[in-house]
Amino acid sequence: FERFKTELLDFEHPNMNNACIRPNADDVLMGRKANVFHHPGNQRYRHLITSSLPKYRPLQNRGMKAMFKKRLTEEILDGGRVRFLRLGKEGYWEKIPPSEVHGKITHALRD
């Protein structure tokens, strides 16, 4: 049953304002399980973060760092094609708000 709940698409849940989401290969999934780690969207995300570090680390000006993070966020989100998703309390995937996505990317650059 749990697997079924996470695979629903376009189903109106009574306690949610928008339709349930079915993750696709481009999405970045939040979580600590192995299936999340190996998800194609997560692999692409980690690659983009890792490949951006040599350009980000030497920046000393806060403004330049902020601009870099903004551009990296736009690149990762790929014009809205990529979504950051987390499993909600009821077991349905939900989209993370843009401000939280930016925070996740910023945190990944610091690690």
C-alpha atoms as a PDB file:
ATOM      1  CA  PHE A   1       0.000   0.000   0.000  1.00  0.00           C
ATOM      2  CA  GLU A   2       2.815   2.450   0.824  1.00  0.00           C
ATOM      3  CA  ARG A   3       4.387   1.968  -2.612  1.00  0.00           C
ATOM      4  CA  PHE A   4       1.007   2.550  -4.234  1.00  0.00           C
ATOM      5  CA  LYS A   5       0.525   5.864  -2.393  1.00  0.00           C
ATOM      6  CA  THR A   6       3.854   7.227  -3.661  1.00  0.00           C
ATOM      7  CA  GLU A   7       3.076   6.301  -7.274  1.00  0.00           C
ATOM      8  CA  LEU A   8      -0.240   8.124  -7.598  1.00  0.00           C
ATOM      9  CA  LEU A   9      -0.524  10.835 -10.189  1.00  0.00           C
ATOM     10  CA  ASP A  10      -3.156  13.563 -10.515  1.00  0.00           C
ATOM     11  CA  PHE A  11      -5.165  12.303  -7.574  1.00  0.00           C
ATOM     12  CA  GLU A  12      -6.811  14.901  -5.365  1.00  0.00           C
ATOM     13  CA  HIS A  13      -6.091  14.162  -1.740  1.00  0.00           C
ATOM     14  CA  PRO A  14      -8.676  15.714   0.608  1.00  0.00           C
ATOM     15  CA  ASN A  15      -6.029  17.279   2.889  1.00  0.00           C
ATOM     16  CA  MET A  16      -3.920  18.780   0.105  1.00  0.00           C
ATOM     17  CA  ASN A  17      -4.395  21.834  -2.061  1.00  0.00           C
ATOM     18  CA  ASN A  18      -2.733  20.320  -5.115  1.00  0.00           C
ATOM     19  CA  ALA A  19      -2.605  16.936  -6.817  1.00  0.00           C
ATOM     20  CA  CYS A  20      -0.335  14.186  -5.566  1.00  0.00           C
ATOM     21  CA  ILE A  21       2.985  14.072  -7.353  1.00  0.00           C
ATOM     22  CA  ARG A  22       4.696  11.116  -8.963  1.00  0.00           C
ATOM     23  CA  PRO A  23       8.478  11.653  -9.067  1.00  0.00           C
ATOM     24  CA  ASN A  24      10.186  11.415 -12.431  1.00  0.00           C
ATOM     25  CA  ALA A  25      13.843  10.812 -13.306  1.00  0.00           C
ATOM     26  CA  ASP A  26      14.637  14.553 -13.299  1.00  0.00           C
ATOM     27  CA  ASP A  27      13.360  15.251  -9.786  1.00  0.00           C
ATOM     28  CA  VAL A  28      15.566  15.603  -6.721  1.00  0.00           C
ATOM     29  CA  LEU A  29      14.151  13.541  -3.862  1.00  0.00           C
ATOM     30  CA  MET A  30      14.777  14.461  -0.234  1.00  0.00           C
ATOM     31  CA  GLY A  31      15.493  11.624   2.151  1.00  0.00           C
ATOM     32  CA  ARG A  32      18.201   9.311   3.420  1.00  0.00           C
ATOM     33  CA  LYS A  33      17.258   5.971   1.899  1.00  0.00           C
ATOM     34  CA  ALA A  34      19.395   4.222  -0.722  1.00  0.00           C
ATOM     35  CA  ASN A  35      16.720   4.540  -3.422  1.00  0.00           C
ATOM     36  CA  VAL A  36      16.807   8.327  -2.970  1.00  0.00           C
ATOM     37  CA  PHE A  37      20.615   8.413  -3.116  1.00  0.00           C
ATOM     38  CA  HIS A  38      20.657   6.449  -6.380  1.00  0.00           C
ATOM     39  CA  HIS A  39      17.742   8.316  -7.993  1.00  0.00           C
ATOM     40  CA  PRO A  40      18.884   9.816 -11.365  1.00  0.00           C
ATOM     41  CA  GLY A  41      17.786  13.345 -10.432  1.00  0.00           C
ATOM     42  CA  ASN A  42      19.771  13.169  -7.184  1.00  0.00           C
ATOM     43  CA  GLN A  43      22.837  11.912  -9.034  1.00  0.00           C
ATOM     44  CA  ARG A  44      22.604  14.848 -11.473  1.00  0.00           C
ATOM     45  CA  TYR A  45      22.133  17.260  -8.545  1.00  0.00           C
ATOM     46  CA  ARG A  46      25.226  15.944  -6.718  1.00  0.00           C
ATOM     47  CA  HIS A  47      27.243  16.136  -9.945  1.00  0.00           C
ATOM     48  CA  LEU A  48      26.230  19.771 -10.523  1.00  0.00           C
ATOM     49  CA  ILE A  49      27.093  20.699  -6.920  1.00  0.00           C
ATOM     50  CA  THR A  50      30.452  18.896  -7.017  1.00  0.00           C
ATOM     51  CA  SER A  51      31.436  20.348 -10.390  1.00  0.00           C
ATOM     52  CA  SER A  52      30.493  23.866  -9.182  1.00  0.00           C
ATOM     53  CA  LEU A  53      32.641  23.804  -6.037  1.00  0.00           C
ATOM     54  CA  PRO A  54      35.951  24.771  -7.725  1.00  0.00           C
ATOM     55  CA  LYS A  55      34.265  27.912  -9.089  1.00  0.00           C
ATOM     56  CA  TYR A  56      32.373  28.706  -5.869  1.00  0.00           C
ATOM     57  CA  ARG A  57      35.072  28.233  -3.200  1.00  0.00           C
ATOM     58  CA  PRO A  58      37.446  31.002  -4.377  1.00  0.00           C
ATOM     59  CA  LEU A  59      34.674  33.626  -4.355  1.00  0.00           C
ATOM     60  CA  GLN A  60      35.181  36.001  -1.437  1.00  0.00           C
ATOM     61  CA  ASN A  61      32.536  38.663  -2.059  1.00  0.00           C
ATOM     62  CA  ARG A  62      29.108  37.846  -0.578  1.00  0.00           C
ATOM     63  CA  GLY A  63      27.384  39.422  -3.571  1.00  0.00           C
ATOM     64  CA  MET A  64      29.300  37.249  -6.012  1.00  0.00           C
ATOM     65  CA  LYS A  65      28.529  34.150  -3.930  1.00  0.00           C
ATOM     66  CA  ALA A  66      24.831  35.052  -3.842  1.00  0.00           C
ATOM     67  CA  MET A  67      24.766  35.562  -7.632  1.00  0.00           C
ATOM     68  CA  PHE A  68      26.589  32.255  -8.151  1.00  0.00           C
ATOM     69  CA  LYS A  69      24.090  30.393  -5.928  1.00  0.00           C
ATOM     70  CA  LYS A  70      21.166  31.993  -7.747  1.00  0.00           C
ATOM     71  CA  ARG A  71      22.515  30.945 -11.152  1.00  0.00           C
ATOM     72  CA  LEU A  72      23.321  27.453  -9.896  1.00  0.00           C
ATOM     73  CA  THR A  73      19.795  27.120  -8.505  1.00  0.00           C
ATOM     74  CA  GLU A  74      18.379  28.129 -11.900  1.00  0.00           C
ATOM     75  CA  GLU A  75      20.650  25.608 -13.642  1.00  0.00           C
ATOM     76  CA  ILE A  76      19.658  22.800 -11.275  1.00  0.00           C
ATOM     77  CA  LEU A  77      15.936  23.568 -11.604  1.00  0.00           C
ATOM     78  CA  ASP A  78      16.382  23.660 -15.388  1.00  0.00           C
ATOM     79  CA  GLY A  79      13.552  26.081 -16.100  1.00  0.00           C
ATOM     80  CA  GLY A  80      11.044  24.265 -13.887  1.00  0.00           C
ATOM     81  CA  ARG A  81      11.715  20.810 -15.336  1.00  0.00           C
ATOM     82  CA  VAL A  82      13.353  19.635 -12.088  1.00  0.00           C
ATOM     83  CA  ARG A  83      11.388  19.564  -8.843  1.00  0.00           C
ATOM     84  CA  PHE A  84      12.635  19.061  -5.296  1.00  0.00           C
ATOM     85  CA  LEU A  85      10.278  16.618  -3.586  1.00  0.00           C
ATOM     86  CA  ARG A  86       9.883  15.185  -0.103  1.00  0.00           C
ATOM     87  CA  LEU A  87       7.603  12.548   1.266  1.00  0.00           C
ATOM     88  CA  GLY A  88       4.911  14.213   3.339  1.00  0.00           C
ATOM     89  CA  LYS A  89       3.553  12.928   6.639  1.00  0.00           C
ATOM     90  CA  GLU A  90       0.859  10.888   4.882  1.00  0.00           C
ATOM     91  CA  GLY A  91       3.269   9.232   2.454  1.00  0.00           C
ATOM     92  CA  TYR A  92       2.557  11.428  -0.595  1.00  0.00           C
ATOM     93  CA  TRP A  93       5.280  13.274  -2.468  1.00  0.00           C
ATOM     94  CA  GLU A  94       5.080  17.053  -2.152  1.00  0.00           C
ATOM     95  CA  LYS A  95       6.976  19.850  -3.834  1.00  0.00           C
ATOM     96  CA  ILE A  96       9.403  21.853  -1.707  1.00  0.00           C
ATOM     97  CA  PRO A  97       8.959  25.663  -1.846  1.00  0.00           C
ATOM     98  CA  PRO A  98      11.590  27.637  -3.840  1.00  0.00           C
ATOM     99  CA  SER A  99      13.045  29.301  -0.738  1.00  0.00           C
ATOM    100  CA  GLU A 100      13.688  25.877   0.807  1.00  0.00           C
ATOM    101  CA  VAL A 101      15.230  24.611  -2.452  1.00  0.00           C
ATOM    102  CA  HIS A 102      17.636  27.561  -2.433  1.00  0.00           C
ATOM    103  CA  GLY A 103      18.530  26.729   1.177  1.00  0.00           C
ATOM    104  CA  LYS A 104      19.230  23.078   0.275  1.00  0.00           C
ATOM    105  CA  ILE A 105      21.532  24.131  -2.566  1.00  0.00           C
ATOM    106  CA  THR A 106      23.319  26.688  -0.384  1.00  0.00           C
ATOM    107  CA  HIS A 107      23.827  24.067   2.319  1.00  0.00           C
ATOM    108  CA  ALA A 108      25.184  21.557  -0.215  1.00  0.00           C
ATOM    109  CA  LEU A 109      27.797  24.110  -1.327  1.00  0.00           C
ATOM    110  CA  ARG A 110      28.964  24.575   2.268  1.00  0.00           C
ATOM    111  CA  ASP A 111      29.386  20.850   2.976  1.00  0.00           C
END
